[in-house]
Protein backbone atom coordinates (compact mmCIF):
# COMPACT_ATOMS: atom_id res chain seq x y z
CA MET A 1 -29.52 -32.53 -32.05
CA THR A 2 -30.50 -35.94 -33.41
CA ALA A 3 -32.61 -36.38 -36.53
CA ALA A 4 -35.54 -37.49 -34.37
CA ILE A 5 -35.95 -34.07 -32.75
CA PRO A 6 -37.91 -31.56 -34.87
CA HIS A 7 -36.23 -28.24 -35.59
CA LEU A 8 -38.00 -25.25 -34.09
CA PRO A 9 -36.98 -21.60 -34.36
CA ALA A 10 -36.22 -19.93 -31.04
CA ALA A 11 -39.21 -17.55 -31.41
CA ALA A 12 -42.67 -17.87 -32.93
CA GLN A 13 -42.61 -17.66 -36.73
CA PHE A 14 -44.95 -17.93 -39.68
CA GLY A 15 -45.35 -21.62 -40.40
CA ASP A 16 -45.47 -22.69 -36.76
CA PHE A 17 -49.00 -24.05 -37.29
CA PHE A 18 -47.71 -26.46 -39.93
CA ARG A 19 -44.75 -27.43 -37.77
CA GLY A 20 -47.21 -28.41 -35.05
CA LEU A 21 -49.42 -30.18 -37.58
CA SER A 22 -46.48 -32.33 -38.71
CA LEU A 23 -45.54 -33.55 -35.22
CA PRO A 24 -47.78 -36.68 -35.19
CA PHE A 25 -46.38 -37.73 -38.59
CA ARG A 26 -42.83 -37.39 -37.29
CA ALA A 27 -43.92 -39.35 -34.22
CA LEU A 28 -45.16 -42.19 -36.44
CA ARG A 29 -41.77 -42.38 -38.18
CA VAL A 30 -39.97 -42.48 -34.83
CA MET A 31 -42.32 -45.20 -33.55
CA VAL A 32 -41.78 -47.41 -36.59
CA SER A 33 -37.98 -47.04 -36.28
CA SER A 34 -37.92 -48.20 -32.65
CA PRO A 35 -38.92 -51.82 -31.79
CA LYS A 36 -39.68 -50.81 -28.19
CA LEU A 37 -41.93 -47.92 -29.19
CA PHE A 38 -43.57 -50.03 -31.89
CA GLY A 39 -44.42 -52.81 -29.44
CA LEU A 40 -45.80 -50.42 -26.81
CA SER A 41 -47.85 -48.69 -29.51
CA LEU A 42 -49.41 -51.97 -30.70
CA VAL A 43 -50.46 -52.83 -27.15
CA SER A 44 -51.98 -49.39 -26.59
CA GLY A 45 -53.72 -49.53 -29.98
CA LEU A 46 -55.43 -52.81 -29.13
CA VAL A 47 -56.54 -51.52 -25.73
CA THR A 48 -57.75 -48.20 -27.18
CA SER A 49 -59.81 -49.94 -29.86
CA GLY A 50 -61.66 -51.89 -27.20
CA VAL A 51 -62.20 -48.80 -25.04
CA LEU A 52 -63.52 -46.67 -27.93
CA ALA A 53 -65.87 -49.42 -29.08
CA GLY A 54 -67.16 -49.73 -25.51
CA LEU A 55 -67.70 -45.97 -25.26
CA ALA A 56 -69.66 -45.90 -28.54
CA TRP A 57 -71.80 -48.83 -27.37
CA PHE A 58 -72.42 -47.09 -24.04
CA TRP A 59 -73.26 -43.56 -25.27
CA TRP A 60 -75.21 -44.24 -28.51
CA PRO A 61 -78.52 -45.43 -27.00
CA ARG A 62 -78.30 -43.03 -24.06
CA ALA A 63 -77.71 -39.95 -26.23
CA PHE A 64 -80.75 -40.68 -28.43
CA GLY A 65 -82.80 -41.56 -25.36
CA TRP A 66 -82.03 -38.17 -23.81
CA ALA A 67 -82.94 -36.41 -27.07
CA GLU A 68 -86.24 -38.26 -27.33
CA ALA A 69 -87.08 -37.41 -23.72
CA LEU A 70 -86.23 -33.75 -24.35
CA ILE A 71 -87.86 -33.27 -27.78
CA GLY A 72 -90.60 -35.91 -27.83
CA THR A 73 -91.77 -38.03 -30.78
CA GLY A 74 -94.01 -37.56 -33.80
CA THR A 75 -93.70 -35.89 -37.23
CA TRP A 76 -91.01 -33.16 -37.16
CA ARG A 77 -89.95 -34.06 -33.62
CA ASP A 78 -88.45 -37.35 -34.83
CA VAL A 79 -86.08 -35.49 -37.17
CA VAL A 80 -85.10 -32.90 -34.57
CA SER A 81 -84.68 -35.62 -31.96
CA ALA A 82 -82.36 -37.58 -34.26
CA VAL A 83 -80.19 -34.51 -34.92
CA VAL A 84 -80.03 -33.57 -31.24
CA GLY A 85 -79.33 -37.19 -30.32
CA PHE A 86 -76.39 -37.32 -32.69
CA LEU A 87 -75.04 -34.04 -31.24
CA PHE A 88 -75.41 -35.46 -27.73
CA PHE A 89 -73.57 -38.60 -28.84
CA ALA A 90 -70.78 -36.61 -30.53
CA LEU A 91 -70.26 -34.47 -27.42
CA THR A 92 -70.31 -37.31 -24.88
CA PHE A 93 -68.20 -39.61 -27.04
CA PHE A 94 -65.63 -36.88 -27.77
CA VAL A 95 -65.20 -35.86 -24.13
CA SER A 96 -64.97 -39.45 -22.89
CA ALA A 97 -62.69 -40.49 -25.77
CA LEU A 98 -60.25 -37.76 -24.72
CA THR A 99 -60.13 -38.98 -21.12
CA VAL A 100 -61.08 -42.65 -20.66
CA PRO A 101 -58.43 -44.25 -22.96
CA ASN A 102 -55.74 -42.10 -21.39
CA LEU A 103 -56.82 -43.17 -17.91
CA VAL A 104 -56.82 -46.85 -18.90
CA LEU A 105 -53.46 -46.52 -20.64
CA ALA A 106 -51.84 -44.25 -18.03
CA PRO A 107 -49.28 -46.94 -17.00
CA LEU A 108 -47.93 -46.97 -20.59
CA GLN A 109 -47.51 -43.22 -21.00
CA ASP A 110 -44.31 -42.75 -19.03
CA PRO A 111 -42.55 -45.77 -20.65
CA LEU A 112 -43.54 -44.41 -24.10
CA SER A 113 -42.28 -40.94 -23.25
CA GLU A 114 -39.03 -42.23 -21.75
CA ALA A 115 -38.39 -44.51 -24.74
CA THR A 116 -38.94 -41.54 -27.06
CA GLU A 117 -36.42 -39.44 -25.15
CA GLU A 118 -33.91 -42.29 -25.30
CA ARG A 119 -34.46 -42.43 -29.07
CA CYS A 120 -33.77 -38.68 -29.23
CA GLY A 121 -30.47 -39.15 -27.39
CA ASP A 122 -28.85 -37.44 -24.41
CA PHE A 123 -31.25 -39.15 -22.02
CA THR A 124 -31.24 -42.31 -19.94
CA ALA A 125 -34.32 -43.45 -18.06
CA PRO A 126 -33.61 -43.16 -14.31
CA ALA A 127 -33.33 -46.28 -12.19
CA PHE A 128 -36.36 -47.15 -10.10
CA SER A 129 -36.64 -45.30 -6.83
CA PHE A 130 -39.73 -45.48 -4.64
CA GLN A 131 -39.31 -41.89 -3.46
CA ALA A 132 -38.79 -40.54 -6.98
CA THR A 133 -41.71 -42.60 -8.32
CA LEU A 134 -44.02 -41.34 -5.60
CA ARG A 135 -42.95 -37.74 -6.16
CA GLY A 136 -43.40 -38.07 -9.92
CA THR A 137 -46.80 -39.75 -9.54
CA LEU A 138 -48.11 -37.02 -7.26
CA HIS A 139 -46.75 -34.34 -9.59
CA SER A 140 -48.44 -36.00 -12.60
CA ILE A 141 -51.74 -36.23 -10.72
CA GLY A 142 -51.48 -32.52 -10.00
CA HIS A 143 -50.94 -31.82 -13.72
CA THR A 144 -53.93 -34.00 -14.61
CA LEU A 145 -56.27 -32.22 -12.20
CA LEU A 146 -55.14 -28.81 -13.40
CA ARG A 147 -55.58 -29.86 -17.05
CA LEU A 148 -59.15 -30.98 -16.39
CA ALA A 149 -59.92 -27.77 -14.50
CA THR A 150 -58.46 -25.69 -17.34
CA GLN A 151 -60.48 -27.51 -19.98
CA LEU A 152 -63.74 -27.26 -18.03
CA LEU A 153 -63.17 -23.60 -17.16
CA GLY A 154 -62.63 -22.73 -20.81
CA MET A 155 -65.78 -24.53 -21.92
CA ALA A 156 -67.76 -22.80 -19.13
CA VAL A 157 -66.54 -19.41 -20.38
CA LEU A 158 -67.55 -20.26 -23.96
CA LEU A 159 -70.94 -21.77 -23.08
CA PRO A 160 -72.83 -18.41 -23.02
CA LEU A 161 -72.11 -18.06 -26.75
CA ASN A 162 -75.05 -20.42 -27.28
CA LEU A 163 -77.36 -17.69 -25.97
CA ILE A 164 -76.63 -15.49 -29.00
CA PRO A 165 -79.51 -15.98 -31.47
CA GLY A 166 -78.63 -17.55 -34.79
CA ALA A 167 -74.85 -17.59 -34.98
CA GLY A 168 -74.25 -18.38 -31.29
CA SER A 169 -74.19 -22.17 -31.70
CA ILE A 170 -71.81 -21.92 -34.67
CA ALA A 171 -69.52 -19.57 -32.74
CA PHE A 172 -69.55 -21.97 -29.77
CA ALA A 173 -68.72 -24.95 -32.01
CA ILE A 174 -65.76 -23.15 -33.60
CA ALA A 175 -64.43 -21.66 -30.37
CA GLY A 176 -64.99 -24.95 -28.53
CA SER A 177 -63.04 -26.85 -31.18
CA LEU A 178 -60.13 -24.40 -31.00
CA TRP A 179 -60.12 -24.64 -27.21
CA SER A 180 -60.15 -28.45 -27.40
CA MET A 181 -57.15 -28.33 -29.77
CA PHE A 182 -55.24 -26.11 -27.35
CA CYS A 183 -56.14 -28.41 -24.44
CA LEU A 184 -54.91 -31.44 -26.41
CA ALA A 185 -51.57 -29.69 -26.85
CA ILE A 186 -51.47 -28.91 -23.12
CA GLU A 187 -52.26 -32.52 -22.23
CA HIS A 188 -49.54 -34.11 -24.32
CA LEU A 189 -46.78 -31.59 -23.64
CA SER A 190 -47.69 -31.87 -19.97
CA ASN A 191 -46.75 -35.56 -19.92
CA PRO A 192 -42.98 -35.22 -20.48
CA MET A 193 -42.84 -31.94 -18.56
CA ALA A 194 -44.53 -33.55 -15.55
CA ARG A 195 -41.94 -36.36 -15.66
CA HIS A 196 -39.23 -33.73 -15.34
CA LEU A 197 -41.22 -31.99 -12.56
CA TYR A 198 -41.91 -28.76 -14.43
CA PRO A 199 -44.83 -26.81 -12.91
CA PHE A 200 -48.11 -26.94 -14.84
CA GLY A 201 -48.08 -23.15 -15.29
CA GLN A 202 -44.91 -23.44 -17.37
CA VAL A 203 -46.64 -25.88 -19.74
CA VAL A 204 -49.44 -23.39 -20.40
CA LEU A 205 -47.02 -20.46 -20.64
CA VAL A 206 -44.81 -21.99 -23.33
CA LEU A 207 -47.83 -23.07 -25.38
CA ARG A 208 -49.39 -19.62 -25.14
CA ARG A 209 -46.14 -18.12 -26.41
CA ARG A 210 -46.18 -20.53 -29.37
CA LEU A 211 -49.95 -20.47 -29.94
CA ALA A 212 -49.90 -21.31 -33.66
CA LEU A 213 -47.57 -24.26 -32.98
CA SER A 214 -49.89 -25.43 -30.19
CA LEU A 215 -53.03 -25.21 -32.34
CA GLY A 216 -51.35 -27.06 -35.20
CA PHE A 217 -50.32 -29.88 -32.89
CA GLY A 218 -53.76 -29.99 -31.26
CA ALA A 219 -55.53 -29.85 -34.64
CA ALA A 220 -53.66 -32.92 -35.88
CA LEU A 221 -54.62 -34.89 -32.78
CA TYR A 222 -58.22 -33.59 -32.95
CA VAL A 223 -58.58 -34.90 -36.50
CA MET A 224 -56.96 -38.22 -35.58
CA LEU A 225 -59.61 -38.75 -32.91
CA TRP A 226 -62.33 -38.97 -35.57
CA VAL A 227 -60.48 -41.09 -38.16
CA PRO A 228 -61.30 -44.80 -37.73
CA VAL A 229 -58.28 -47.06 -37.07
CA LEU A 230 -55.98 -44.03 -36.66
CA ASN A 231 -57.81 -43.10 -33.47
CA PHE A 232 -56.81 -46.46 -31.98
CA PHE A 233 -53.23 -45.16 -31.94
CA LEU A 234 -54.03 -41.62 -30.79
CA MET A 235 -52.53 -42.06 -27.32
CA PRO A 236 -49.10 -43.46 -28.32
CA VAL A 237 -48.78 -41.04 -31.25
CA ALA A 238 -49.78 -38.12 -29.02
CA VAL A 239 -47.37 -39.12 -26.24
CA VAL A 240 -44.45 -39.58 -28.64
CA ALA A 241 -45.29 -36.33 -30.49
CA GLY A 242 -45.63 -34.42 -27.22
CA THR A 243 -42.23 -35.72 -26.09
CA LEU A 244 -40.66 -34.71 -29.42
CA LEU A 245 -42.19 -31.25 -28.98
CA PHE A 246 -40.74 -31.06 -25.46
CA ARG A 247 -37.26 -31.94 -26.71
CA ALA A 248 -37.59 -29.51 -29.62
CA LEU A 249 -38.57 -26.67 -27.28
CA ARG A 250 -35.59 -27.50 -25.05
CA GLU A 251 -33.24 -27.50 -28.05
CA ALA A 252 -34.67 -24.17 -29.26
CA LYS A 253 -34.11 -22.63 -25.79
CA ALA A 254 -37.83 -21.84 -25.66
CA LEU A 255 -38.12 -23.84 -22.46
CA GLY A 256 -35.91 -23.44 -19.43
CA ALA A 257 -34.26 -26.21 -17.46
CA PRO A 258 -36.44 -28.26 -15.09
CA PRO A 259 -36.47 -27.43 -11.38
CA PRO A 260 -33.49 -28.79 -9.41
CA ALA A 261 -35.68 -31.57 -7.92
CA GLY A 262 -36.32 -32.93 -11.42
CA ARG A 263 -32.65 -33.39 -12.27
């Protein structure tokens, strides 16, 4: 095992949450040590900064407009409307910030993941093949659709918590945040696993088995999303960290070999 690959115990252990939490920091060190990864990360950071600024510009007036239309204006309504407007903005910005930059930067994700695996050793990016590229693209699209369905299904299940008087909204916020962290882990482990043609169900299965590790990884990315400047580099850091997690799970024998078609 090379120094780039994190060490993971073969089974879930106490401390897995912190191992997951440390993955983006290890990814940053790997990115800085590789000129190819560093260059790809700078490009994606510049593109992401423009996309996030555009999303904020797009959602800010609309969120407060919806709140004003829902609550009305005058005396106490202005305060409530401002609070609700900010919540609308936070929700719409968060959801779109998780999806839009990744869609725009999708062509860079596989090169980043492949370069990370090359840095880890025992891997050489395959030569271009139209058939293999088409198969991999369709497989990745399948993963993406299933990820979106999983995330939306989870939020739909949690939504009724808001009907509980008093503590319902707090419970929804906490449970929703935890679910978002888990979905972030799914998304960024799915990338390298989709390249190797693993089924989506295996991504979810391995993360469920190492739940604390998954939540630690997702929590680090969740926090990065809200930190100015750092969030510009969320995508490359997440892709590199997810690939390091994939290699670590393989080394720990926590993840089986890919299907024969992915060899």
